[in-house]
Amino acid sequence: MIYSEKVIDHFSCPRNVGEIADADGVGEVGNAKCGDIMKMYLKIDEATETVTDVKFKTFGCGAAIATSSIATEMILGKPVSEVLKLTNQAVVDALDGLPAVKLHCSVLAEEAVKSALSDYYTKKGIDPTTIKGLSAESHEEEREHERENED
């Protein structure tokens, strides 16, 4: 299996590792088949709806750690409206590609970010399924895509 230099860099020196004790949103996702588990913590400035801090903890393979790391870099400092548009393909592209058998890691990174955003909206009293980018249909599409890539 050949990894890009960016994947190796983010695995060897992951960015934004850790926890945020008073996080505005926390999301945890996992893949039972491969055993990868990602937990994402977001701090969001309520006035500007901007991600001011993001941390992650990932238990998994190098690709899982690399996708978590790059995803945090991609969303830090961005408005939530932009973060909602994060896709697993954007994560793959930012890493200059992933082997086909590791694409599920990029799906987990996207899902971890969106799970944290769902938690953020829930804490604000807003139904996350009403937010474009967090609807149940988009998550089902992600899970279907993940299942296709595992086979």
Protein backbone atom coordinates (compact mmCIF):
# COMPACT_ATOMS: atom_id res chain seq x y z
CA MET A 1 0.00 0.00 0.00
CA ILE A 2 1.46 3.33 -1.06
CA TYR A 3 0.63 6.53 0.83
CA SER A 4 1.23 10.10 -0.30
CA GLU A 5 3.79 12.28 1.49
CA LYS A 6 0.90 14.26 3.01
CA VAL A 7 -0.66 11.13 4.52
CA ILE A 8 2.68 10.10 5.99
CA ASP A 9 3.26 13.65 7.32
CA HIS A 10 -0.17 13.84 9.00
CA PHE A 11 0.22 10.36 10.46
CA SER A 12 3.75 11.03 11.72
CA CYS A 13 3.00 14.56 12.99
CA PRO A 14 -0.76 14.84 13.48
CA ARG A 15 -2.15 18.32 14.05
CA ASN A 16 -4.75 19.35 16.64
CA VAL A 17 -4.62 16.16 18.72
CA GLY A 18 -6.37 16.28 22.07
CA GLU A 19 -9.62 17.23 23.72
CA ILE A 20 -11.49 20.47 24.35
CA ALA A 21 -12.94 20.29 27.86
CA ASP A 22 -15.69 22.85 27.22
CA ALA A 23 -16.34 21.94 23.57
CA ASP A 24 -19.42 23.36 21.92
CA GLY A 25 -19.83 20.18 19.91
CA VAL A 26 -18.42 16.67 20.27
CA GLY A 27 -18.89 13.87 17.77
CA GLU A 28 -17.73 10.28 17.89
CA VAL A 29 -17.97 7.82 15.02
CA GLY A 30 -16.54 4.41 14.35
CA ASN A 31 -16.29 1.61 11.86
CA ALA A 32 -16.86 -1.76 13.47
CA LYS A 33 -15.33 -3.64 10.53
CA CYS A 34 -11.89 -1.98 10.77
CA GLY A 35 -11.99 -0.83 14.39
CA ASP A 36 -11.27 2.86 13.69
CA ILE A 37 -12.86 5.30 16.15
CA MET A 38 -12.72 9.08 15.77
CA LYS A 39 -13.78 11.69 18.27
CA MET A 40 -13.93 15.34 17.18
CA TYR A 41 -14.23 18.38 19.47
CA LEU A 42 -15.32 21.80 18.20
CA LYS A 43 -15.20 25.24 19.76
CA ILE A 44 -17.46 27.63 17.84
CA ASP A 45 -17.72 31.40 18.25
CA GLU A 46 -21.47 31.86 18.53
CA ALA A 47 -21.40 35.46 17.27
CA THR A 48 -19.57 34.66 14.03
CA GLU A 49 -20.50 30.94 13.76
CA THR A 50 -16.81 30.23 13.15
CA VAL A 51 -14.76 27.23 14.30
CA THR A 52 -12.19 28.78 16.64
CA ASP A 53 -10.67 25.53 17.89
CA VAL A 54 -10.82 21.89 16.90
CA LYS A 55 -9.19 18.81 18.39
CA PHE A 56 -9.44 15.10 17.70
CA LYS A 57 -8.67 11.75 19.24
CA THR A 58 -8.49 8.79 16.89
CA PHE A 59 -7.93 5.14 17.61
CA GLY A 60 -7.05 3.47 14.36
CA CYS A 61 -4.68 3.04 11.47
CA GLY A 62 -2.36 5.64 10.00
CA ALA A 63 -4.91 6.67 7.39
CA ALA A 64 -7.53 7.26 10.09
CA ILE A 65 -5.14 9.50 12.01
CA ALA A 66 -4.09 11.35 8.85
CA THR A 67 -7.68 11.99 7.72
CA SER A 68 -8.61 13.25 11.20
CA SER A 69 -5.60 15.56 11.26
CA ILE A 70 -6.16 17.06 7.81
CA ALA A 71 -9.89 17.48 8.47
CA THR A 72 -9.12 19.60 11.54
CA GLU A 73 -6.82 21.81 9.46
CA MET A 74 -9.47 22.14 6.78
CA ILE A 75 -12.15 23.43 9.17
CA LEU A 76 -10.19 25.52 11.68
CA GLY A 77 -11.08 29.19 11.32
CA LYS A 78 -13.89 28.45 8.86
CA PRO A 79 -17.53 29.48 9.23
CA VAL A 80 -19.89 26.62 10.12
CA SER A 81 -21.70 27.16 6.80
CA GLU A 82 -18.46 26.18 5.02
CA VAL A 83 -17.66 23.32 7.42
CA LEU A 84 -21.06 21.80 6.61
CA LYS A 85 -19.86 21.38 3.01
CA LEU A 86 -16.86 19.23 3.99
CA THR A 87 -16.85 15.98 2.04
CA ASN A 88 -14.82 12.84 2.33
CA GLN A 89 -13.59 13.49 -1.22
CA ALA A 90 -12.23 16.89 -0.16
CA VAL A 91 -10.35 15.12 2.66
CA VAL A 92 -8.92 12.58 0.19
CA ASP A 93 -7.92 15.36 -2.22
CA ALA A 94 -6.25 17.37 0.58
CA LEU A 95 -4.12 14.31 1.35
CA ASP A 96 -3.23 13.80 -2.33
CA GLY A 97 -5.20 10.55 -2.35
CA LEU A 98 -5.73 7.42 -0.30
CA PRO A 99 -5.60 3.74 -1.27
CA ALA A 100 -9.08 2.43 -2.11
CA VAL A 101 -9.11 0.17 0.96
CA LYS A 102 -8.58 3.23 3.17
CA LEU A 103 -11.26 5.52 1.69
CA HIS A 104 -13.58 4.65 4.61
CA CYS A 105 -11.21 6.67 6.83
CA SER A 106 -12.07 9.83 4.90
CA VAL A 107 -15.77 9.06 5.33
CA LEU A 108 -15.23 8.70 9.08
CA ALA A 109 -13.42 12.05 9.21
CA GLU A 110 -16.34 13.77 7.47
CA GLU A 111 -18.84 12.00 9.71
CA ALA A 112 -16.91 12.92 12.89
CA VAL A 113 -16.96 16.61 11.95
CA LYS A 114 -20.65 16.48 11.08
CA SER A 115 -21.46 14.52 14.23
CA ALA A 116 -19.78 17.26 16.28
CA LEU A 117 -21.80 19.88 14.39
CA SER A 118 -24.99 17.90 15.07
CA ASP A 119 -24.12 17.93 18.76
CA TYR A 120 -23.48 21.70 18.58
CA TYR A 121 -26.89 22.36 17.03
CA THR A 122 -28.63 19.99 19.45
CA LYS A 123 -27.09 21.86 22.40
CA LYS A 124 -28.43 25.11 20.89
CA GLY A 125 -31.93 23.59 20.73
CA ILE A 126 -31.90 23.26 16.95
CA ASP A 127 -32.86 19.98 15.27
CA PRO A 128 -29.70 19.08 13.30
CA THR A 129 -31.73 17.22 10.67
CA THR A 130 -33.08 20.60 9.54
CA ILE A 131 -29.57 21.87 8.75
CA LYS A 132 -28.44 21.45 5.14
CA GLY A 133 -25.41 19.16 5.23
CA LEU A 134 -26.56 17.32 8.36
CA SER A 135 -29.78 15.78 7.06
CA ALA A 136 -30.38 12.08 7.58
CA GLU A 137 -30.27 11.53 3.81
CA SER A 138 -26.73 12.85 3.49
CA HIS A 139 -25.53 10.54 6.28
CA GLU A 140 -27.21 7.55 4.65
CA GLU A 141 -25.47 8.38 1.37
CA GLU A 142 -22.13 8.50 3.23
CA ARG A 143 -22.74 5.13 4.87
CA GLU A 144 -23.73 3.60 1.53
CA HIS A 145 -20.56 5.00 -0.06
CA GLU A 146 -18.52 3.55 2.82
CA ARG A 147 -20.14 0.10 2.42
CA GLU A 148 -19.39 0.11 -1.32
CA ASN A 149 -15.71 0.88 -0.68
CA GLU A 150 -15.30 -1.83 1.97
CA ASP A 151 -16.31 -4.68 -0.31
